[in-house]
Amino acid sequence: MFHHVKDLQFNARVSRPDPRFANLLLEQFGGENGELAAAMQYFTQAFGAKVPHPDKYDMLMDIATEEFSHLEIVGATIQMLLKGVNGELKDAAEQTDFMVAMNGKVAKESVIHAALAANPQFPIITGGGPTPRNSQGVPWCASYIHSNGDLTVDLRSNLASESRAKLVYEHLMKFTDDPYVKETLSFLMTREVTHYQMFEAALNDIQPNFPPGVLAADPRYLQNVYNLSDGAVRGPWNEGEIKGMGVEFNYVADPLQQIQETEGQSKLPEDFSKELKAKDKLDKQMSETKSAEVKNAEPDGVAQWSTYKEKVK
């Protein structure tokens, strides 16, 4: 159950109209890395986590709800940045001069032209109000959402989402000199960092969490890393131990020769029968564990999503 409180989570303020920046800020309203995308991503991920990970369900719903509140902050800021402009756009009968303080006084036509030049759909189709579109007028799309049904995969997607959103806010701050708007953007940017830390802690709390899914990696193909460009650059990504897997990388300097000698990996020089048996055993073990994790958490009889507690008098 949602209950809307009309006071914003952060006191969003604007010192003067700025339709150009209002259009840029649409990126965080209906863009790929915006607040709506984040809210819907965490909201949908939460459903699959409810039974096997009720604590993570609680976290996802909390963060999703906060992202909706951030969407409200962004929308409110956009609306305030269009102060005066919306009224003129709706004034179909009168064509009186409109003056606005924005780095000095400029004519109404200049202000509206700024909004039109940035994104014609913004003032024409929507009348200047924020809608789920990005700064280019492209409608919000559900393909922005990453929800895979495996919580460890979803949490890793969330880490990337929060990282991208933080960068967008950083870039947006370069295009405004309004101190109030910068304060709002700084707040929203910082909350991305907090959410990143929460998702990372939740991921680390799930053990094992790698590799994702149920099936283990095939030991015949796990260790090889191929030199597929001119110049050999070595580092912890292609030499030394593979973190947490108990084996080391095998650097293949000449991939073409390796493919030819093994006839496309079909005739390997090593016998992996022992490792393959261990993999099959682990696959069975993980399948039983993951399946039991969900089945044991499901109640018998009629399924009921919520447990309603009697009100304490």
C-alpha atoms as a PDB file:
ATOM      1  CA  MET A   1       0.000   0.000   0.000  1.00  0.00           C
ATOM      2  CA  PHE A   2       1.351   3.387  -0.942  1.00  0.00           C
ATOM      3  CA  HIS A   3       0.560   6.610   0.865  1.00  0.00           C
ATOM      4  CA  HIS A   4       1.560   9.856  -0.804  1.00  0.00           C
ATOM      5  CA  VAL A   5       2.930  12.640   1.379  1.00  0.00           C
ATOM      6  CA  LYS A   6       2.862  15.924  -0.495  1.00  0.00           C
ATOM      7  CA  ASP A   7       6.045  17.263   1.115  1.00  0.00           C
ATOM      8  CA  LEU A   8       9.114  16.398  -0.941  1.00  0.00           C
ATOM      9  CA  GLN A   9      11.953  14.303   0.488  1.00  0.00           C
ATOM     10  CA  PHE A  10      14.276  17.214  -0.348  1.00  0.00           C
ATOM     11  CA  ASN A  11      13.339  20.901  -0.457  1.00  0.00           C
ATOM     12  CA  ALA A  12      13.670  21.431  -4.196  1.00  0.00           C
ATOM     13  CA  ARG A  13      14.032  25.097  -5.140  1.00  0.00           C
ATOM     14  CA  VAL A  14      14.761  27.140  -8.248  1.00  0.00           C
ATOM     15  CA  SER A  15      16.036  30.723  -8.312  1.00  0.00           C
ATOM     16  CA  ARG A  16      14.962  31.550 -11.894  1.00  0.00           C
ATOM     17  CA  PRO A  17      13.352  29.991 -14.972  1.00  0.00           C
ATOM     18  CA  ASP A  18      15.580  28.003 -17.294  1.00  0.00           C
ATOM     19  CA  PRO A  19      13.671  26.085 -20.017  1.00  0.00           C
ATOM     20  CA  ARG A  20      16.868  24.790 -21.599  1.00  0.00           C
ATOM     21  CA  PHE A  21      17.958  23.064 -18.414  1.00  0.00           C
ATOM     22  CA  ALA A  22      14.393  21.915 -17.756  1.00  0.00           C
ATOM     23  CA  ASN A  23      14.650  19.993 -21.010  1.00  0.00           C
ATOM     24  CA  LEU A  24      18.026  18.499 -20.049  1.00  0.00           C
ATOM     25  CA  LEU A  25      16.607  17.415 -16.711  1.00  0.00           C
ATOM     26  CA  LEU A  26      13.981  15.348 -18.525  1.00  0.00           C
ATOM     27  CA  GLU A  27      16.796  12.830 -18.934  1.00  0.00           C
ATOM     28  CA  GLN A  28      16.398  11.960 -15.254  1.00  0.00           C
ATOM     29  CA  PHE A  29      12.616  11.941 -15.482  1.00  0.00           C
ATOM     30  CA  GLY A  30      11.938   9.665 -18.446  1.00  0.00           C
ATOM     31  CA  GLY A  31      15.417   8.753 -19.673  1.00  0.00           C
ATOM     32  CA  GLU A  32      17.182   5.390 -19.734  1.00  0.00           C
ATOM     33  CA  ASN A  33      19.137   6.127 -16.549  1.00  0.00           C
ATOM     34  CA  GLY A  34      16.451   8.218 -14.887  1.00  0.00           C
ATOM     35  CA  GLU A  35      14.428   7.885 -11.721  1.00  0.00           C
ATOM     36  CA  LEU A  36      11.386   6.270 -13.360  1.00  0.00           C
ATOM     37  CA  ALA A  37      13.552   3.523 -14.837  1.00  0.00           C
ATOM     38  CA  ALA A  38      15.215   2.897 -11.475  1.00  0.00           C
ATOM     39  CA  ALA A  39      11.910   2.842  -9.596  1.00  0.00           C
ATOM     40  CA  MET A  40      10.328   0.374 -12.018  1.00  0.00           C
ATOM     41  CA  GLN A  41      13.443  -1.795 -12.124  1.00  0.00           C
ATOM     42  CA  TYR A  42      13.656  -2.283  -8.362  1.00  0.00           C
ATOM     43  CA  PHE A  43       9.870  -2.561  -8.053  1.00  0.00           C
ATOM     44  CA  THR A  44       9.681  -5.425 -10.556  1.00  0.00           C
ATOM     45  CA  GLN A  45      12.764  -7.164  -9.166  1.00  0.00           C
ATOM     46  CA  ALA A  46      11.178  -7.216  -5.726  1.00  0.00           C
ATOM     47  CA  PHE A  47       8.397  -9.632  -6.711  1.00  0.00           C
ATOM     48  CA  GLY A  48      10.786 -12.513  -7.431  1.00  0.00           C
ATOM     49  CA  ALA A  49      12.713 -11.846  -4.230  1.00  0.00           C
ATOM     50  CA  LYS A  50       9.650 -11.953  -1.926  1.00  0.00           C
ATOM     51  CA  VAL A  51       9.706 -15.678  -1.149  1.00  0.00           C
ATOM     52  CA  PRO A  52      13.381 -16.721  -1.218  1.00  0.00           C
ATOM     53  CA  HIS A  53      14.776 -13.411   0.111  1.00  0.00           C
ATOM     54  CA  PRO A  54      12.091 -11.515   2.073  1.00  0.00           C
ATOM     55  CA  ASP A  55      14.700  -9.208   3.603  1.00  0.00           C
ATOM     56  CA  LYS A  56      15.970  -8.205   0.150  1.00  0.00           C
ATOM     57  CA  TYR A  57      12.339  -7.768  -0.971  1.00  0.00           C
ATOM     58  CA  ASP A  58      11.939  -5.215   1.793  1.00  0.00           C
ATOM     59  CA  MET A  59      15.092  -3.388   0.698  1.00  0.00           C
ATOM     60  CA  LEU A  60      14.105  -3.349  -2.990  1.00  0.00           C
ATOM     61  CA  MET A  61      10.645  -2.005  -2.220  1.00  0.00           C
ATOM     62  CA  ASP A  62      12.103   0.690   0.043  1.00  0.00           C
ATOM     63  CA  ILE A  63      14.571   1.856  -2.602  1.00  0.00           C
ATOM     64  CA  ALA A  64      11.969   1.646  -5.386  1.00  0.00           C
ATOM     65  CA  THR A  65       9.644   3.831  -3.325  1.00  0.00           C
ATOM     66  CA  GLU A  66      12.434   6.326  -2.704  1.00  0.00           C
ATOM     67  CA  GLU A  67      13.145   6.426  -6.434  1.00  0.00           C
ATOM     68  CA  PHE A  68       9.499   7.375  -7.021  1.00  0.00           C
ATOM     69  CA  SER A  69      10.010  10.210  -4.552  1.00  0.00           C
ATOM     70  CA  HIS A  70      13.090  11.286  -6.526  1.00  0.00           C
ATOM     71  CA  LEU A  71      10.990  11.241  -9.686  1.00  0.00           C
ATOM     72  CA  GLU A  72       8.657  13.685  -7.949  1.00  0.00           C
ATOM     73  CA  ILE A  73      11.592  15.928  -7.017  1.00  0.00           C
ATOM     74  CA  VAL A  74      12.843  15.948 -10.615  1.00  0.00           C
ATOM     75  CA  GLY A  75       9.349  16.628 -11.979  1.00  0.00           C
ATOM     76  CA  ALA A  76       8.782  19.457  -9.506  1.00  0.00           C
ATOM     77  CA  THR A  77      12.131  21.007 -10.420  1.00  0.00           C
ATOM     78  CA  ILE A  78      11.322  20.833 -14.136  1.00  0.00           C
ATOM     79  CA  GLN A  79       7.978  22.520 -13.503  1.00  0.00           C
ATOM     80  CA  MET A  80       9.607  25.310 -11.492  1.00  0.00           C
ATOM     81  CA  LEU A  81      12.261  25.835 -14.160  1.00  0.00           C
ATOM     82  CA  LEU A  82       9.396  26.564 -16.570  1.00  0.00           C
ATOM     83  CA  LYS A  83       7.848  29.246 -14.359  1.00  0.00           C
ATOM     84  CA  GLY A  84       6.211  31.810 -16.630  1.00  0.00           C
ATOM     85  CA  VAL A  85       6.863  29.853 -19.800  1.00  0.00           C
ATOM     86  CA  ASN A  86       3.912  27.500 -19.407  1.00  0.00           C
ATOM     87  CA  GLY A  87       1.552  30.415 -18.896  1.00  0.00           C
ATOM     88  CA  GLU A  88       2.686  32.041 -22.111  1.00  0.00           C
ATOM     89  CA  LEU A  89       2.414  28.794 -24.033  1.00  0.00           C
ATOM     90  CA  LYS A  90      -1.202  28.515 -22.890  1.00  0.00           C
ATOM     91  CA  ASP A  91      -1.982  32.167 -23.662  1.00  0.00           C
ATOM     92  CA  ALA A  92      -3.514  31.630 -27.101  1.00  0.00           C
ATOM     93  CA  ALA A  93      -5.469  34.917 -27.237  1.00  0.00           C
ATOM     94  CA  GLU A  94      -2.931  37.452 -26.020  1.00  0.00           C
ATOM     95  CA  GLN A  95       0.567  38.058 -27.381  1.00  0.00           C
ATOM     96  CA  THR A  96       1.801  40.455 -24.723  1.00  0.00           C
ATOM     97  CA  ASP A  97       5.488  40.884 -24.078  1.00  0.00           C
ATOM     98  CA  PHE A  98       6.914  38.471 -21.556  1.00  0.00           C
ATOM     99  CA  MET A  99      10.056  39.343 -19.665  1.00  0.00           C
ATOM    100  CA  VAL A 100      11.958  36.937 -17.450  1.00  0.00           C
ATOM    101  CA  ALA A 101      15.059  37.345 -15.287  1.00  0.00           C
ATOM    102  CA  MET A 102      17.561  34.869 -16.647  1.00  0.00           C
ATOM    103  CA  ASN A 103      21.116  36.282 -16.689  1.00  0.00           C
ATOM    104  CA  GLY A 104      19.485  39.622 -17.421  1.00  0.00           C
ATOM    105  CA  LYS A 105      16.208  40.368 -19.221  1.00  0.00           C
ATOM    106  CA  VAL A 106      15.335  38.594 -22.430  1.00  0.00           C
ATOM    107  CA  ALA A 107      12.180  38.623 -24.495  1.00  0.00           C
ATOM    108  CA  LYS A 108       9.489  35.977 -24.249  1.00  0.00           C
ATOM    109  CA  GLU A 109      10.290  34.794 -27.771  1.00  0.00           C
ATOM    110  CA  SER A 110      13.877  34.025 -26.808  1.00  0.00           C
ATOM    111  CA  VAL A 111      12.845  31.990 -23.805  1.00  0.00           C
ATOM    112  CA  ILE A 112      10.310  29.918 -25.712  1.00  0.00           C
ATOM    113  CA  HIS A 113      12.735  29.556 -28.629  1.00  0.00           C
ATOM    114  CA  ALA A 114      15.280  28.076 -26.196  1.00  0.00           C
ATOM    115  CA  ALA A 115      12.814  25.383 -25.214  1.00  0.00           C
ATOM    116  CA  LEU A 116      11.789  24.737 -28.817  1.00  0.00           C
ATOM    117  CA  ALA A 117      15.347  24.504 -30.072  1.00  0.00           C
ATOM    118  CA  ALA A 118      16.310  21.952 -27.426  1.00  0.00           C
ATOM    119  CA  ASN A 119      13.304  19.667 -27.869  1.00  0.00           C
ATOM    120  CA  PRO A 120      10.300  20.803 -29.949  1.00  0.00           C
ATOM    121  CA  GLN A 121       8.050  18.121 -28.458  1.00  0.00           C
ATOM    122  CA  PHE A 122       8.573  19.458 -24.956  1.00  0.00           C
ATOM    123  CA  PRO A 123       6.535  22.684 -25.253  1.00  0.00           C
ATOM    124  CA  ILE A 124       4.382  21.711 -28.246  1.00  0.00           C
ATOM    125  CA  ILE A 125       3.067  18.221 -27.444  1.00  0.00           C
ATOM    126  CA  THR A 126       3.210  18.271 -23.652  1.00  0.00           C
ATOM    127  CA  GLY A 127       2.584  21.946 -23.114  1.00  0.00           C
ATOM    128  CA  GLY A 128       5.761  22.190 -21.080  1.00  0.00           C
ATOM    129  CA  GLY A 129       4.803  19.724 -18.351  1.00  0.00           C
ATOM    130  CA  PRO A 130       7.177  16.849 -17.541  1.00  0.00           C
ATOM    131  CA  THR A 131       6.165  13.558 -19.136  1.00  0.00           C
ATOM    132  CA  PRO A 132       7.973  10.188 -19.313  1.00  0.00           C
ATOM    133  CA  ARG A 133      10.256  11.248 -22.177  1.00  0.00           C
ATOM    134  CA  ASN A 134      13.965  11.940 -22.303  1.00  0.00           C
ATOM    135  CA  SER A 135      15.634  15.198 -23.297  1.00  0.00           C
ATOM    136  CA  GLN A 136      15.204  14.334 -26.996  1.00  0.00           C
ATOM    137  CA  GLY A 137      11.494  13.632 -26.682  1.00  0.00           C
ATOM    138  CA  VAL A 138      11.887   9.843 -26.889  1.00  0.00           C
ATOM    139  CA  PRO A 139       9.144   8.149 -24.800  1.00  0.00           C
ATOM    140  CA  TRP A 140      10.163   6.098 -21.788  1.00  0.00           C
ATOM    141  CA  CYS A 141      10.493   2.412 -22.646  1.00  0.00           C
ATOM    142  CA  ALA A 142      10.183  -0.731 -20.526  1.00  0.00           C
ATOM    143  CA  SER A 143      13.318  -2.088 -22.205  1.00  0.00           C
ATOM    144  CA  TYR A 144      15.253   0.216 -19.842  1.00  0.00           C
ATOM    145  CA  ILE A 145      14.403  -2.224 -17.034  1.00  0.00           C
ATOM    146  CA  HIS A 146      16.698  -5.124 -16.144  1.00  0.00           C
ATOM    147  CA  SER A 147      14.941  -7.805 -14.128  1.00  0.00           C
ATOM    148  CA  ASN A 148      16.256 -11.337 -14.631  1.00  0.00           C
ATOM    149  CA  GLY A 149      14.635 -13.370 -11.871  1.00  0.00           C
ATOM    150  CA  ASP A 150      17.996 -14.160 -10.284  1.00  0.00           C
ATOM    151  CA  LEU A 151      18.582 -11.763  -7.415  1.00  0.00           C
ATOM    152  CA  THR A 152      22.376 -11.829  -7.697  1.00  0.00           C
ATOM    153  CA  VAL A 153      22.112 -10.845 -11.365  1.00  0.00           C
ATOM    154  CA  ASP A 154      19.544  -8.163 -10.568  1.00  0.00           C
ATOM    155  CA  LEU A 155      21.698  -6.687  -7.818  1.00  0.00           C
ATOM    156  CA  ARG A 156      24.667  -6.469 -10.169  1.00  0.00           C
ATOM    157  CA  SER A 157      22.429  -4.701 -12.697  1.00  0.00           C
ATOM    158  CA  ASN A 158      21.422  -2.296  -9.953  1.00  0.00           C
ATOM    159  CA  LEU A 159      25.041  -1.491  -9.140  1.00  0.00           C
ATOM    160  CA  ALA A 160      25.534  -0.509 -12.773  1.00  0.00           C
ATOM    161  CA  SER A 161      22.269   1.465 -12.840  1.00  0.00           C
ATOM    162  CA  GLU A 162      23.182   3.496  -9.775  1.00  0.00           C
ATOM    163  CA  SER A 163      26.653   4.157 -11.198  1.00  0.00           C
ATOM    164  CA  ARG A 164      25.234   5.450 -14.487  1.00  0.00           C
ATOM    165  CA  ALA A 165      22.641   7.607 -12.745  1.00  0.00           C
ATOM    166  CA  LYS A 166      25.323   9.190 -10.574  1.00  0.00           C
ATOM    167  CA  LEU A 167      27.312  10.140 -13.668  1.00  0.00           C
ATOM    168  CA  VAL A 168      24.248  11.677 -15.321  1.00  0.00           C
ATOM    169  CA  TYR A 169      23.707  13.916 -12.290  1.00  0.00           C
ATOM    170  CA  GLU A 170      27.382  14.876 -12.368  1.00  0.00           C
ATOM    171  CA  HIS A 171      27.071  15.896 -16.012  1.00  0.00           C
ATOM    172  CA  LEU A 172      23.820  17.771 -15.410  1.00  0.00           C
ATOM    173  CA  MET A 173      25.460  19.861 -12.692  1.00  0.00           C
ATOM    174  CA  LYS A 174      27.843  21.251 -15.317  1.00  0.00           C
ATOM    175  CA  PHE A 175      24.959  22.820 -17.248  1.00  0.00           C
ATOM    176  CA  THR A 176      23.357  24.924 -14.527  1.00  0.00           C
ATOM    177  CA  ASP A 177      24.651  27.721 -12.360  1.00  0.00           C
ATOM    178  CA  ASP A 178      21.509  27.887 -10.217  1.00  0.00           C
ATOM    179  CA  PRO A 179      22.739  27.147  -6.658  1.00  0.00           C
ATOM    180  CA  TYR A 180      19.353  25.765  -5.572  1.00  0.00           C
ATOM    181  CA  VAL A 181      19.161  23.387  -8.522  1.00  0.00           C
ATOM    182  CA  LYS A 182      22.735  22.267  -7.865  1.00  0.00           C
ATOM    183  CA  GLU A 183      21.801  21.477  -4.253  1.00  0.00           C
ATOM    184  CA  THR A 184      18.925  19.305  -5.462  1.00  0.00           C
ATOM    185  CA  LEU A 185      21.111  17.520  -7.998  1.00  0.00           C
ATOM    186  CA  SER A 186      23.803  16.963  -5.358  1.00  0.00           C
ATOM    187  CA  PHE A 187      21.233  15.372  -3.039  1.00  0.00           C
ATOM    188  CA  LEU A 188      19.930  13.072  -5.783  1.00  0.00           C
ATOM    189  CA  MET A 189      23.460  12.162  -6.882  1.00  0.00           C
ATOM    190  CA  THR A 190      24.473  11.298  -3.325  1.00  0.00           C
ATOM    191  CA  ARG A 191      21.460   9.028  -2.851  1.00  0.00           C
ATOM    192  CA  GLU A 192      22.689   7.023  -5.854  1.00  0.00           C
ATOM    193  CA  VAL A 193      25.896   6.368  -3.909  1.00  0.00           C
ATOM    194  CA  THR A 194      23.905   5.254  -0.858  1.00  0.00           C
ATOM    195  CA  HIS A 195      21.790   2.891  -2.936  1.00  0.00           C
ATOM    196  CA  TYR A 196      24.932   1.478  -4.550  1.00  0.00           C
ATOM    197  CA  GLN A 197      26.314   0.635  -1.111  1.00  0.00           C
ATOM    198  CA  MET A 198      23.023  -0.958  -0.058  1.00  0.00           C
ATOM    199  CA  PHE A 199      22.867  -3.151  -3.167  1.00  0.00           C
ATOM    200  CA  GLU A 200      26.509  -4.167  -2.772  1.00  0.00           C
ATOM    201  CA  ALA A 201      25.948  -5.140   0.874  1.00  0.00           C
ATOM    202  CA  ALA A 202      22.859  -7.149  -0.095  1.00  0.00           C
ATOM    203  CA  LEU A 203      24.793  -8.969  -2.825  1.00  0.00           C
ATOM    204  CA  ASN A 204      27.599  -9.858  -0.418  1.00  0.00           C
ATOM    205  CA  ASP A 205      24.999 -11.137   2.043  1.00  0.00           C
ATOM    206  CA  ILE A 206      23.942 -13.824  -0.463  1.00  0.00           C
ATOM    207  CA  GLN A 207      26.433 -16.688  -0.508  1.00  0.00           C
ATOM    208  CA  PRO A 208      27.374 -18.161  -2.853  1.00  0.00           C
ATOM    209  CA  ASN A 209      26.586 -15.367  -5.305  1.00  0.00           C
ATOM    210  CA  PHE A 210      28.909 -16.293  -8.184  1.00  0.00           C
ATOM    211  CA  PRO A 211      28.598 -17.548 -10.807  1.00  0.00           C
ATOM    212  CA  PRO A 212      24.977 -16.417 -11.175  1.00  0.00           C
ATOM    213  CA  GLY A 213      22.250 -18.941 -11.775  1.00  0.00           C
ATOM    214  CA  VAL A 214      22.481 -22.627 -10.867  1.00  0.00           C
ATOM    215  CA  LEU A 215      24.896 -24.305 -13.279  1.00  0.00           C
ATOM    216  CA  ALA A 216      28.621 -24.154 -12.643  1.00  0.00           C
ATOM    217  CA  ALA A 217      31.094 -23.074 -15.321  1.00  0.00           C
ATOM    218  CA  ASP A 218      32.436 -25.767 -17.633  1.00  0.00           C
ATOM    219  CA  PRO A 219      36.047 -26.382 -16.496  1.00  0.00           C
ATOM    220  CA  ARG A 220      37.148 -27.160 -20.064  1.00  0.00           C
ATOM    221  CA  TYR A 221      36.601 -23.590 -21.175  1.00  0.00           C
ATOM    222  CA  LEU A 222      36.859 -21.561 -17.972  1.00  0.00           C
ATOM    223  CA  GLN A 223      40.544 -20.749 -17.728  1.00  0.00           C
ATOM    224  CA  ASN A 224      41.423 -19.692 -21.278  1.00  0.00           C
ATOM    225  CA  VAL A 225      41.837 -15.992 -22.041  1.00  0.00           C
ATOM    226  CA  TYR A 226      42.668 -15.156 -25.644  1.00  0.00           C
ATOM    227  CA  ASN A 227      45.082 -12.600 -27.067  1.00  0.00           C
ATOM    228  CA  LEU A 228      42.791 -11.154 -29.737  1.00  0.00           C
ATOM    229  CA  SER A 229      44.539  -7.866 -30.456  1.00  0.00           C
ATOM    230  CA  ASP A 230      47.982  -6.618 -31.463  1.00  0.00           C
ATOM    231  CA  GLY A 231      50.327  -6.308 -28.521  1.00  0.00           C
ATOM    232  CA  ALA A 232      50.112  -8.463 -25.421  1.00  0.00           C
ATOM    233  CA  VAL A 233      49.011  -6.580 -22.312  1.00  0.00           C
ATOM    234  CA  ARG A 234      49.022  -8.652 -19.143  1.00  0.00           C
ATOM    235  CA  GLY A 235      47.213  -7.967 -15.911  1.00  0.00           C
ATOM    236  CA  PRO A 236      45.051  -9.565 -13.210  1.00  0.00           C
ATOM    237  CA  TRP A 237      42.333 -10.040 -15.838  1.00  0.00           C
ATOM    238  CA  ASN A 238      44.415 -12.568 -17.822  1.00  0.00           C
ATOM    239  CA  GLU A 239      47.074 -13.922 -15.446  1.00  0.00           C
ATOM    240  CA  GLY A 240      47.207 -15.350 -11.962  1.00  0.00           C
ATOM    241  CA  GLU A 241      44.338 -16.886 -10.001  1.00  0.00           C
ATOM    242  CA  ILE A 242      40.730 -16.516 -11.085  1.00  0.00           C
ATOM    243  CA  LYS A 243      39.193 -14.940  -8.012  1.00  0.00           C
ATOM    244  CA  GLY A 244      37.253 -17.377  -5.885  1.00  0.00           C
ATOM    245  CA  MET A 245      37.494 -20.282  -8.340  1.00  0.00           C
ATOM    246  CA  GLY A 246      40.685 -22.018  -7.252  1.00  0.00           C
ATOM    247  CA  VAL A 247      42.272 -22.110 -10.723  1.00  0.00           C
ATOM    248  CA  GLU A 248      44.528 -19.825 -12.731  1.00  0.00           C
ATOM    249  CA  PHE A 249      44.033 -18.077 -16.045  1.00  0.00           C
ATOM    250  CA  ASN A 250      45.586 -19.780 -19.049  1.00  0.00           C
ATOM    251  CA  TYR A 251      46.823 -17.091 -21.435  1.00  0.00           C
ATOM    252  CA  VAL A 252      46.501 -18.188 -25.066  1.00  0.00           C
ATOM    253  CA  ALA A 253      48.983 -16.054 -27.007  1.00  0.00           C
ATOM    254  CA  ASP A 254      48.051 -17.515 -30.397  1.00  0.00           C
ATOM    255  CA  PRO A 255      44.294 -18.260 -30.432  1.00  0.00           C
ATOM    256  CA  LEU A 256      44.267 -19.373 -34.091  1.00  0.00           C
ATOM    257  CA  GLN A 257      46.878 -22.031 -33.428  1.00  0.00           C
ATOM    258  CA  GLN A 258      45.042 -23.189 -30.324  1.00  0.00           C
ATOM    259  CA  ILE A 259      41.729 -23.505 -32.180  1.00  0.00           C
ATOM    260  CA  GLN A 260      43.355 -25.455 -35.008  1.00  0.00           C
ATOM    261  CA  GLU A 261      45.261 -27.806 -32.709  1.00  0.00           C
ATOM    262  CA  THR A 262      42.177 -28.592 -30.626  1.00  0.00           C
ATOM    263  CA  GLU A 263      39.861 -28.713 -33.656  1.00  0.00           C
ATOM    264  CA  GLY A 264      37.607 -26.068 -32.215  1.00  0.00           C
ATOM    265  CA  GLN A 265      37.966 -27.195 -28.563  1.00  0.00           C
ATOM    266  CA  SER A 266      36.792 -30.718 -29.431  1.00  0.00           C
ATOM    267  CA  LYS A 267      40.171 -32.391 -28.769  1.00  0.00           C
ATOM    268  CA  LEU A 268      41.716 -30.877 -25.691  1.00  0.00           C
ATOM    269  CA  PRO A 269      45.212 -31.906 -24.546  1.00  0.00           C
ATOM    270  CA  GLU A 270      44.110 -32.279 -20.910  1.00  0.00           C
ATOM    271  CA  ASP A 271      41.732 -34.759 -19.336  1.00  0.00           C
ATOM    272  CA  PHE A 272      38.961 -32.877 -17.515  1.00  0.00           C
ATOM    273  CA  SER A 273      36.965 -35.961 -16.487  1.00  0.00           C
ATOM    274  CA  LYS A 274      37.588 -35.366 -12.780  1.00  0.00           C
ATOM    275  CA  GLU A 275      36.625 -31.699 -13.016  1.00  0.00           C
ATOM    276  CA  LEU A 276      33.528 -32.504 -15.071  1.00  0.00           C
ATOM    277  CA  LYS A 277      32.332 -34.997 -12.461  1.00  0.00           C
ATOM    278  CA  ALA A 278      32.820 -32.362  -9.791  1.00  0.00           C
ATOM    279  CA  LYS A 279      30.864 -29.895 -11.914  1.00  0.00           C
ATOM    280  CA  ASP A 280      27.961 -32.328 -12.364  1.00  0.00           C
ATOM    281  CA  LYS A 281      27.888 -32.926  -8.616  1.00  0.00           C
ATOM    282  CA  LEU A 282      27.903 -29.195  -7.923  1.00  0.00           C
ATOM    283  CA  ASP A 283      25.150 -28.604 -10.498  1.00  0.00           C
ATOM    284  CA  LYS A 284      22.916 -31.144  -8.764  1.00  0.00           C
ATOM    285  CA  GLN A 285      23.730 -29.727  -5.345  1.00  0.00           C
ATOM    286  CA  MET A 286      23.023 -26.144  -6.406  1.00  0.00           C
ATOM    287  CA  SER A 287      19.812 -27.140  -8.181  1.00  0.00           C
ATOM    288  CA  GLU A 288      18.502 -28.816  -5.036  1.00  0.00           C
ATOM    289  CA  THR A 289      19.595 -25.916  -2.847  1.00  0.00           C
ATOM    290  CA  LYS A 290      18.020 -23.214  -5.037  1.00  0.00           C
ATOM    291  CA  SER A 291      14.826 -25.189  -5.501  1.00  0.00           C
ATOM    292  CA  ALA A 292      14.509 -25.924  -1.785  1.00  0.00           C
ATOM    293  CA  GLU A 293      15.219 -22.276  -0.991  1.00  0.00           C
ATOM    294  CA  VAL A 294      12.025 -21.261  -2.743  1.00  0.00           C
ATOM    295  CA  LYS A 295       9.844 -24.286  -1.896  1.00  0.00           C
ATOM    296  CA  ASN A 296      10.630 -24.184   1.824  1.00  0.00           C
ATOM    297  CA  ALA A 297       9.707 -20.514   1.986  1.00  0.00           C
ATOM    298  CA  GLU A 298       6.322 -21.010   0.317  1.00  0.00           C
ATOM    299  CA  PRO A 299       3.406 -21.452   2.737  1.00  0.00           C
ATOM    300  CA  ASP A 300       1.192 -24.514   2.579  1.00  0.00           C
ATOM    301  CA  GLY A 301      -2.364 -24.181   1.366  1.00  0.00           C
ATOM    302  CA  VAL A 302      -3.770 -20.915   0.038  1.00  0.00           C
ATOM    303  CA  ALA A 303      -1.103 -18.507  -1.119  1.00  0.00           C
ATOM    304  CA  GLN A 304      -1.274 -15.105   0.544  1.00  0.00           C
ATOM    305  CA  TRP A 305       1.106 -12.276  -0.244  1.00  0.00           C
ATOM    306  CA  SER A 306       0.667 -10.225   2.936  1.00  0.00           C
ATOM    307  CA  THR A 307       0.420 -11.170   6.590  1.00  0.00           C
ATOM    308  CA  TYR A 308      -1.951  -8.748   8.249  1.00  0.00           C
ATOM    309  CA  LYS A 309      -1.207  -8.191  11.894  1.00  0.00           C
ATOM    310  CA  GLU A 310      -3.851  -7.261  14.400  1.00  0.00           C
ATOM    311  CA  LYS A 311      -3.626  -3.642  15.426  1.00  0.00           C
ATOM    312  CA  VAL A 312      -2.104  -3.184  18.868  1.00  0.00           C
ATOM    313  CA  LYS A 313      -4.441  -1.277  21.161  1.00  0.00           C
END
